Amino acid sequence: MIAGCFSVFFNADDNKRNEEIEIEKYSDEVIMLRDFLSTSMSMDIKKIMYNSSINSFIIGDILMSIEDARGRYNHSYSKVTTPV
C-alpha cells in the first residue's frame, strides 16, 4: 500500500516536469510580437505559439517566421498619417 502511494506521488511529479518542459519560455520580443499578432489578427493569444527551433510562430494552421512578424510589427507602427 505504501509503495502504491509513492508511485502515484512520483508519477504526478513526473507529469508536472513534462508539462514544464513543454512550455517554452518566451523572450520579451516574442511576447510583444505574440501580443501584436493577437491584436492585429483578432485572434486569441493562446492560439499563437512560438517555436524557437524553427524561429516561427504557429498561428492555427499558419506558419509565420519571426522575421515576417517583425516586419509586420515595424510596418504597422511606421505608417505615417497625414492630417485631413
PDB file of N, CA and C in Angstrom:
ATOM      1  N   MET A   1       0.817  -1.179   0.000  1.00  0.00           N
ATOM      2  CA  MET A   1       0.000   0.000   0.000  1.00  0.00           C
ATOM      3  C   MET A   1       0.873   1.260   0.000  1.00  0.00           C
ATOM      4  N   ILE A   2       1.910   1.257   0.802  1.00  0.00           N
ATOM      5  CA  ILE A   2       2.815   2.400   0.845  1.00  0.00           C
ATOM      6  C   ILE A   2       3.503   2.570  -0.507  1.00  0.00           C
ATOM      7  N   ALA A   3       3.896   1.471  -1.124  1.00  0.00           N
ATOM      8  CA  ALA A   3       4.536   1.538  -2.438  1.00  0.00           C
ATOM      9  C   ALA A   3       3.584   2.147  -3.458  1.00  0.00           C
ATOM     10  N   GLY A   4       2.310   1.836  -3.373  1.00  0.00           N
ATOM     11  CA  GLY A   4       1.312   2.407  -4.284  1.00  0.00           C
ATOM     12  C   GLY A   4       1.199   3.905  -4.118  1.00  0.00           C
ATOM     13  N   CYS A   5       1.239   4.384  -2.889  1.00  0.00           N
ATOM     14  CA  CYS A   5       1.159   5.828  -2.632  1.00  0.00           C
ATOM     15  C   CYS A   5       2.374   6.550  -3.206  1.00  0.00           C
ATOM     16  N   PHE A   6       3.558   5.953  -3.025  1.00  0.00           N
ATOM     17  CA  PHE A   6       4.764   6.578  -3.551  1.00  0.00           C
ATOM     18  C   PHE A   6       4.758   6.607  -5.076  1.00  0.00           C
ATOM     19  N   SER A   7       4.261   5.537  -5.706  1.00  0.00           N
ATOM     20  CA  SER A   7       4.249   5.508  -7.169  1.00  0.00           C
ATOM     21  C   SER A   7       3.310   6.580  -7.722  1.00  0.00           C
ATOM     22  N   VAL A   8       2.189   6.833  -7.067  1.00  0.00           N
ATOM     23  CA  VAL A   8       1.277   7.890  -7.503  1.00  0.00           C
ATOM     24  C   VAL A   8       1.941   9.248  -7.322  1.00  0.00           C
ATOM     25  N   PHE A   9       2.626   9.435  -6.196  1.00  0.00           N
ATOM     26  CA  PHE A   9       3.308  10.698  -5.921  1.00  0.00           C
ATOM     27  C   PHE A   9       4.385  10.973  -6.963  1.00  0.00           C
ATOM     28  N   PHE A  10       5.236   9.989  -7.241  1.00  0.00           N
ATOM     29  CA  PHE A  10       6.317  10.184  -8.196  1.00  0.00           C
ATOM     30  C   PHE A  10       5.783  10.329  -9.613  1.00  0.00           C
ATOM     31  N   ASN A  11       4.722   9.625  -9.954  1.00  0.00           N
ATOM     32  CA  ASN A  11       4.118   9.740 -11.275  1.00  0.00           C
ATOM     33  C   ASN A  11       3.562  11.149 -11.480  1.00  0.00           C
ATOM     34  N   ALA A  12       2.903  11.701 -10.473  1.00  0.00           N
ATOM     35  CA  ALA A  12       2.369  13.061 -10.568  1.00  0.00           C
ATOM     36  C   ALA A  12       3.505  14.064 -10.717  1.00  0.00           C
ATOM     37  N   ASP A  13       4.611  13.830 -10.009  1.00  0.00           N
ATOM     38  CA  ASP A  13       5.768  14.711 -10.103  1.00  0.00           C
ATOM     39  C   ASP A  13       6.375  14.653 -11.503  1.00  0.00           C
ATOM     40  N   ASP A  14       6.462  13.464 -12.104  1.00  0.00           N
ATOM     41  CA  ASP A  14       6.988  13.314 -13.459  1.00  0.00           C
ATOM     42  C   ASP A  14       6.106  14.044 -14.465  1.00  0.00           C
ATOM     43  N   ASN A  15       4.785  13.957 -14.302  1.00  0.00           N
ATOM     44  CA  ASN A  15       3.871  14.646 -15.208  1.00  0.00           C
ATOM     45  C   ASN A  15       4.062  16.155 -15.128  1.00  0.00           C
ATOM     46  N   LYS A  16       4.283  16.667 -13.932  1.00  0.00           N
ATOM     47  CA  LYS A  16       4.485  18.102 -13.744  1.00  0.00           C
ATOM     48  C   LYS A  16       5.765  18.543 -14.455  1.00  0.00           C
ATOM     49  N   ARG A  17       6.826  17.747 -14.370  1.00  0.00           N
ATOM     50  CA  ARG A  17       8.085  18.080 -15.044  1.00  0.00           C
ATOM     51  C   ARG A  17       7.899  18.088 -16.554  1.00  0.00           C
ATOM     52  N   ASN A  18       7.151  17.122 -17.084  1.00  0.00           N
ATOM     53  CA  ASN A  18       6.907  17.066 -18.521  1.00  0.00           C
ATOM     54  C   ASN A  18       6.162  18.307 -18.992  1.00  0.00           C
ATOM     55  N   GLU A  19       5.186  18.781 -18.218  1.00  0.00           N
ATOM     56  CA  GLU A  19       4.456  19.990 -18.570  1.00  0.00           C
ATOM     57  C   GLU A  19       5.389  21.188 -18.605  1.00  0.00           C
ATOM     58  N   GLU A  20       6.290  21.286 -17.644  1.00  0.00           N
ATOM     59  CA  GLU A  20       7.217  22.411 -17.587  1.00  0.00           C
ATOM     60  C   GLU A  20       8.154  22.406 -18.784  1.00  0.00           C
ATOM     61  N   ILE A  21       8.559  21.245 -19.250  1.00  0.00           N
ATOM     62  CA  ILE A  21       9.451  21.140 -20.394  1.00  0.00           C
ATOM     63  C   ILE A  21       8.726  21.583 -21.661  1.00  0.00           C
ATOM     64  N   GLU A  22       7.446  21.230 -21.799  1.00  0.00           N
ATOM     65  CA  GLU A  22       6.691  21.551 -22.998  1.00  0.00           C
ATOM     66  C   GLU A  22       6.415  23.044 -23.123  1.00  0.00           C
ATOM     67  N   ILE A  23       6.292  23.753 -22.014  1.00  0.00           N
ATOM     68  CA  ILE A  23       6.005  25.180 -22.045  1.00  0.00           C
ATOM     69  C   ILE A  23       7.315  25.925 -22.241  1.00  0.00           C
ATOM     70  N   GLU A  24       7.439  26.534 -23.413  1.00  0.00           N
ATOM     71  CA  GLU A  24       8.667  27.247 -23.755  1.00  0.00           C
ATOM     72  C   GLU A  24       8.629  28.639 -23.134  1.00  0.00           C
ATOM     73  N   LYS A  25       9.738  29.060 -22.580  1.00  0.00           N
ATOM     74  CA  LYS A  25       9.841  30.402 -22.021  1.00  0.00           C
ATOM     75  C   LYS A  25      10.081  31.370 -23.175  1.00  0.00           C
ATOM     76  N   TYR A  26       9.219  32.370 -23.299  1.00  0.00           N
ATOM     77  CA  TYR A  26       9.317  33.321 -24.394  1.00  0.00           C
ATOM     78  C   TYR A  26      10.145  34.536 -23.993  1.00  0.00           C
ATOM     79  N   SER A  27      10.912  35.052 -24.948  1.00  0.00           N
ATOM     80  CA  SER A  27      11.670  36.286 -24.716  1.00  0.00           C
ATOM     81  C   SER A  27      10.698  37.465 -24.733  1.00  0.00           C
ATOM     82  N   ASP A  28      11.176  38.621 -24.294  1.00  0.00           N
ATOM     83  CA  ASP A  28      10.335  39.822 -24.298  1.00  0.00           C
ATOM     84  C   ASP A  28       9.861  40.158 -25.708  1.00  0.00           C
ATOM     85  N   GLU A  29      10.745  39.977 -26.694  1.00  0.00           N
ATOM     86  CA  GLU A  29      10.368  40.274 -28.079  1.00  0.00           C
ATOM     87  C   GLU A  29       9.258  39.344 -28.552  1.00  0.00           C
ATOM     88  N   VAL A  30       9.378  38.066 -28.263  1.00  0.00           N
ATOM     89  CA  VAL A  30       8.366  37.102 -28.689  1.00  0.00           C
ATOM     90  C   VAL A  30       7.031  37.406 -28.010  1.00  0.00           C
ATOM     91  N   ILE A  31       7.073  37.770 -26.738  1.00  0.00           N
ATOM     92  CA  ILE A  31       5.842  38.126 -26.021  1.00  0.00           C
ATOM     93  C   ILE A  31       5.188  39.336 -26.684  1.00  0.00           C
ATOM     94  N   MET A  32       5.989  40.351 -27.013  1.00  0.00           N
ATOM     95  CA  MET A  32       5.462  41.548 -27.658  1.00  0.00           C
ATOM     96  C   MET A  32       4.873  41.219 -29.028  1.00  0.00           C
ATOM     97  N   LEU A  33       5.585  40.408 -29.817  1.00  0.00           N
ATOM     98  CA  LEU A  33       5.100  40.048 -31.144  1.00  0.00           C
ATOM     99  C   LEU A  33       3.843  39.186 -31.066  1.00  0.00           C
ATOM    100  N   ARG A  34       3.777  38.269 -30.103  1.00  0.00           N
ATOM    101  CA  ARG A  34       2.552  37.466 -29.922  1.00  0.00           C
ATOM    102  C   ARG A  34       1.366  38.365 -29.614  1.00  0.00           C
ATOM    103  N   ASP A  35       1.584  39.336 -28.741  1.00  0.00           N
ATOM    104  CA  ASP A  35       0.512  40.269 -28.389  1.00  0.00           C
ATOM    105  C   ASP A  35       0.082  41.075 -29.617  1.00  0.00           C
ATOM    106  N   PHE A  36       1.050  41.557 -30.390  1.00  0.00           N
ATOM    107  CA  PHE A  36       0.750  42.309 -31.608  1.00  0.00           C
ATOM    108  C   PHE A  36      -0.031  41.446 -32.597  1.00  0.00           C
ATOM    109  N   LEU A  37       0.443  40.229 -32.832  1.00  0.00           N
ATOM    110  CA  LEU A  37      -0.241  39.344 -33.776  1.00  0.00           C
ATOM    111  C   LEU A  37      -1.655  39.029 -33.307  1.00  0.00           C
ATOM    112  N   SER A  38      -1.805  38.804 -32.026  1.00  0.00           N
ATOM    113  CA  SER A  38      -3.125  38.522 -31.470  1.00  0.00           C
ATOM    114  C   SER A  38      -4.078  39.684 -31.726  1.00  0.00           C
ATOM    115  N   THR A  39      -3.608  40.889 -31.482  1.00  0.00           N
ATOM    116  CA  THR A  39      -4.439  42.080 -31.673  1.00  0.00           C
ATOM    117  C   THR A  39      -4.706  42.340 -33.149  1.00  0.00           C
ATOM    118  N   SER A  40      -3.657  42.312 -33.961  1.00  0.00           N
ATOM    119  CA  SER A  40      -3.807  42.656 -35.380  1.00  0.00           C
ATOM    120  C   SER A  40      -4.589  41.601 -36.160  1.00  0.00           C
ATOM    121  N   MET A  41      -4.562  40.360 -35.705  1.00  0.00           N
ATOM    122  CA  MET A  41      -5.280  39.290 -36.394  1.00  0.00           C
ATOM    123  C   MET A  41      -6.592  38.936 -35.697  1.00  0.00           C
ATOM    124  N   SER A  42      -6.915  39.673 -34.643  1.00  0.00           N
ATOM    125  CA  SER A  42      -8.129  39.401 -33.849  1.00  0.00           C
ATOM    126  C   SER A  42      -8.214  37.927 -33.463  1.00  0.00           C
ATOM    127  N   MET A  43      -7.125  37.431 -32.889  1.00  0.00           N
ATOM    128  CA  MET A  43      -7.031  36.031 -32.507  1.00  0.00           C
ATOM    129  C   MET A  43      -6.705  35.895 -31.038  1.00  0.00           C
ATOM    130  N   ASP A  44      -7.201  34.837 -30.435  1.00  0.00           N
ATOM    131  CA  ASP A  44      -6.887  34.535 -29.045  1.00  0.00           C
ATOM    132  C   ASP A  44      -5.387  34.261 -28.937  1.00  0.00           C
ATOM    133  N   ILE A  45      -4.728  34.948 -28.018  1.00  0.00           N
ATOM    134  CA  ILE A  45      -3.275  34.810 -27.877  1.00  0.00           C
ATOM    135  C   ILE A  45      -2.875  33.373 -27.547  1.00  0.00           C
ATOM    136  N   LYS A  46      -3.768  32.621 -26.935  1.00  0.00           N
ATOM    137  CA  LYS A  46      -3.471  31.226 -26.596  1.00  0.00           C
ATOM    138  C   LYS A  46      -3.309  30.365 -27.845  1.00  0.00           C
ATOM    139  N   LYS A  47      -3.822  30.835 -28.980  1.00  0.00           N
ATOM    140  CA  LYS A  47      -3.716  30.080 -30.228  1.00  0.00           C
ATOM    141  C   LYS A  47      -2.476  30.459 -31.029  1.00  0.00           C
ATOM    142  N   ILE A  48      -1.664  31.365 -30.468  1.00  0.00           N
ATOM    143  CA  ILE A  48      -0.437  31.790 -31.142  1.00  0.00           C
ATOM    144  C   ILE A  48       0.746  31.267 -30.340  1.00  0.00           C
ATOM    145  N   MET A  49       1.439  30.309 -30.902  1.00  0.00           N
ATOM    146  CA  MET A  49       2.577  29.686 -30.235  1.00  0.00           C
ATOM    147  C   MET A  49       3.853  30.061 -30.989  1.00  0.00           C
ATOM    148  N   TYR A  50       4.968  30.050 -30.290  1.00  0.00           N
ATOM    149  CA  TYR A  50       6.262  30.309 -30.921  1.00  0.00           C
ATOM    150  C   TYR A  50       7.137  29.081 -30.766  1.00  0.00           C
ATOM    151  N   ASN A  51       7.736  28.653 -31.866  1.00  0.00           N
ATOM    152  CA  ASN A  51       8.629  27.505 -31.859  1.00  0.00           C
ATOM    153  C   ASN A  51      10.040  28.006 -32.158  1.00  0.00           C
ATOM    154  N   SER A  52      10.896  28.008 -31.150  1.00  0.00           N
ATOM    155  CA  SER A  52      12.250  28.549 -31.318  1.00  0.00           C
ATOM    156  C   SER A  52      13.136  27.670 -32.195  1.00  0.00           C
ATOM    157  N   SER A  53      12.809  26.409 -32.319  1.00  0.00           N
ATOM    158  CA  SER A  53      13.656  25.540 -33.144  1.00  0.00           C
ATOM    159  C   SER A  53      13.510  25.855 -34.632  1.00  0.00           C
ATOM    160  N   ILE A  54      12.379  26.437 -35.029  1.00  0.00           N
ATOM    161  CA  ILE A  54      12.195  26.831 -36.430  1.00  0.00           C
ATOM    162  C   ILE A  54      12.034  28.351 -36.561  1.00  0.00           C
ATOM    163  N   ASN A  55      12.203  29.074 -35.448  1.00  0.00           N
ATOM    164  CA  ASN A  55      12.090  30.535 -35.425  1.00  0.00           C
ATOM    165  C   ASN A  55      10.816  31.027 -36.095  1.00  0.00           C
ATOM    166  N   SER A  56       9.699  30.404 -35.730  1.00  0.00           N
ATOM    167  CA  SER A  56       8.426  30.753 -36.349  1.00  0.00           C
ATOM    168  C   SER A  56       7.290  30.712 -35.346  1.00  0.00           C
ATOM    169  N   PHE A  57       6.279  31.514 -35.645  1.00  0.00           N
ATOM    170  CA  PHE A  57       5.038  31.472 -34.892  1.00  0.00           C
ATOM    171  C   PHE A  57       4.112  30.480 -35.569  1.00  0.00           C
ATOM    172  N   ILE A  58       3.381  29.747 -34.769  1.00  0.00           N
ATOM    173  CA  ILE A  58       2.369  28.836 -35.283  1.00  0.00           C
ATOM    174  C   ILE A  58       1.035  29.445 -34.876  1.00  0.00           C
ATOM    175  N   ILE A  59       0.291  29.886 -35.881  1.00  0.00           N
ATOM    176  CA  ILE A  59      -0.978  30.574 -35.655  1.00  0.00           C
ATOM    177  C   ILE A  59      -2.058  29.730 -36.307  1.00  0.00           C
ATOM    178  N   GLY A  60      -2.696  28.889 -35.507  1.00  0.00           N
ATOM    179  CA  GLY A  60      -3.666  27.953 -36.082  1.00  0.00           C
ATOM    180  C   GLY A  60      -2.939  27.027 -37.036  1.00  0.00           C
ATOM    181  N   ASP A  61      -3.283  27.120 -38.337  1.00  0.00           N
ATOM    182  CA  ASP A  61      -2.602  26.288 -39.334  1.00  0.00           C
ATOM    183  C   ASP A  61      -1.632  27.115 -40.185  1.00  0.00           C
ATOM    184  N   ILE A  62      -1.306  28.313 -39.706  1.00  0.00           N
ATOM    185  CA  ILE A  62      -0.377  29.202 -40.413  1.00  0.00           C
ATOM    186  C   ILE A  62       0.983  29.176 -39.716  1.00  0.00           C
ATOM    187  N   LEU A  63       2.031  29.166 -40.510  1.00  0.00           N
ATOM    188  CA  LEU A  63       3.396  29.242 -40.002  1.00  0.00           C
ATOM    189  C   LEU A  63       3.961  30.593 -40.437  1.00  0.00           C
ATOM    190  N   MET A  64       4.357  31.435 -39.476  1.00  0.00           N
ATOM    191  CA  MET A  64       4.894  32.761 -39.785  1.00  0.00           C
ATOM    192  C   MET A  64       6.268  32.904 -39.146  1.00  0.00           C
ATOM    193  N   SER A  65       7.258  33.224 -39.966  1.00  0.00           N
ATOM    194  CA  SER A  65       8.616  33.383 -39.433  1.00  0.00           C
ATOM    195  C   SER A  65       8.664  34.596 -38.516  1.00  0.00           C
ATOM    196  N   ILE A  66       9.629  34.584 -37.613  1.00  0.00           N
ATOM    197  CA  ILE A  66       9.769  35.721 -36.705  1.00  0.00           C
ATOM    198  C   ILE A  66      10.155  36.974 -37.491  1.00  0.00           C
ATOM    199  N   GLU A  67      10.893  36.808 -38.587  1.00  0.00           N
ATOM    200  CA  GLU A  67      11.252  37.951 -39.423  1.00  0.00           C
ATOM    201  C   GLU A  67      10.004  38.590 -40.026  1.00  0.00           C
ATOM    202  N   ASP A  68       9.067  37.770 -40.483  1.00  0.00           N
ATOM    203  CA  ASP A  68       7.818  38.279 -41.046  1.00  0.00           C
ATOM    204  C   ASP A  68       7.001  38.997 -39.970  1.00  0.00           C
ATOM    205  N   ALA A  69       6.948  38.418 -38.782  1.00  0.00           N
ATOM    206  CA  ALA A  69       6.212  39.051 -37.682  1.00  0.00           C
ATOM    207  C   ALA A  69       6.849  40.392 -37.321  1.00  0.00           C
ATOM    208  N   ARG A  70       8.187  40.448 -37.295  1.00  0.00           N
ATOM    209  CA  ARG A  70       8.881  41.712 -37.020  1.00  0.00           C
ATOM    210  C   ARG A  70       8.553  42.751 -38.091  1.00  0.00           C
ATOM    211  N   GLY A  71       8.583  42.307 -39.344  1.00  0.00           N
ATOM    212  CA  GLY A  71       8.272  43.207 -40.454  1.00  0.00           C
ATOM    213  C   GLY A  71       6.864  43.761 -40.353  1.00  0.00           C
ATOM    214  N   ARG A  72       5.906  42.916 -40.030  1.00  0.00           N
ATOM    215  CA  ARG A  72       4.518  43.372 -39.870  1.00  0.00           C
ATOM    216  C   ARG A  72       4.407  44.363 -38.718  1.00  0.00           C
ATOM    217  N   TYR A  73       5.097  44.073 -37.631  1.00  0.00           N
ATOM    218  CA  TYR A  73       5.071  44.967 -36.470  1.00  0.00           C
ATOM    219  C   TYR A  73       5.670  46.326 -36.841  1.00  0.00           C
ATOM    220  N   ASN A  74       6.854  46.305 -37.457  1.00  0.00           N
ATOM    221  CA  ASN A  74       7.528  47.551 -37.834  1.00  0.00           C
ATOM    222  C   ASN A  74       6.705  48.348 -38.841  1.00  0.00           C
ATOM    223  N   HIS A  75       6.122  47.662 -39.815  1.00  0.00           N
ATOM    224  CA  HIS A  75       5.295  48.331 -40.823  1.00  0.00           C
ATOM    225  C   HIS A  75       4.062  48.955 -40.174  1.00  0.00           C
ATOM    226  N   SER A  76       3.470  48.257 -39.256  1.00  0.00           N
ATOM    227  CA  SER A  76       2.264  48.741 -38.587  1.00  0.00           C
ATOM    228  C   SER A  76       2.527  50.016 -37.802  1.00  0.00           C
ATOM    229  N   TYR A  77       3.684  50.090 -37.159  1.00  0.00           N
ATOM    230  CA  TYR A  77       3.992  51.244 -36.330  1.00  0.00           C
ATOM    231  C   TYR A  77       4.789  52.322 -37.056  1.00  0.00           C
ATOM    232  N   SER A  78       5.098  52.119 -38.336  1.00  0.00           N
ATOM    233  CA  SER A  78       5.838  53.135 -39.085  1.00  0.00           C
ATOM    234  C   SER A  78       4.946  53.885 -40.059  1.00  0.00           C
ATOM    235  N   LYS A  79       3.659  53.558 -40.098  1.00  0.00           N
ATOM    236  CA  LYS A  79       2.740  54.249 -41.003  1.00  0.00           C
ATOM    237  C   LYS A  79       2.634  55.713 -40.599  1.00  0.00           C
ATOM    238  N   VAL A  80       2.769  56.553 -41.593  1.00  0.00           N
ATOM    239  CA  VAL A  80       2.649  57.986 -41.357  1.00  0.00           C
ATOM    240  C   VAL A  80       1.266  58.414 -41.822  1.00  0.00           C
ATOM    241  N   THR A  81       0.557  59.060 -40.956  1.00  0.00           N
ATOM    242  CA  THR A  81      -0.762  59.549 -41.344  1.00  0.00           C
ATOM    243  C   THR A  81      -0.667  61.032 -41.655  1.00  0.00           C
ATOM    244  N   THR A  82      -1.436  61.457 -42.610  1.00  0.00           N
ATOM    245  CA  THR A  82      -1.449  62.870 -42.962  1.00  0.00           C
ATOM    246  C   THR A  82      -2.725  63.501 -42.439  1.00  0.00           C
ATOM    247  N   PRO A  83      -2.638  64.727 -42.000  1.00  0.00           N
ATOM    248  CA  PRO A  83      -3.842  65.396 -41.496  1.00  0.00           C
ATOM    249  C   PRO A  83      -4.858  65.581 -42.614  1.00  0.00           C
ATOM    250  N   VAL A  84      -6.107  65.532 -42.274  1.00  0.00           N
ATOM    251  CA  VAL A  84      -7.181  65.682 -43.263  1.00  0.00           C
ATOM    252  C   VAL A  84      -7.593  67.119 -43.357  1.00  0.00           C
TER     253      VAL A  84
END
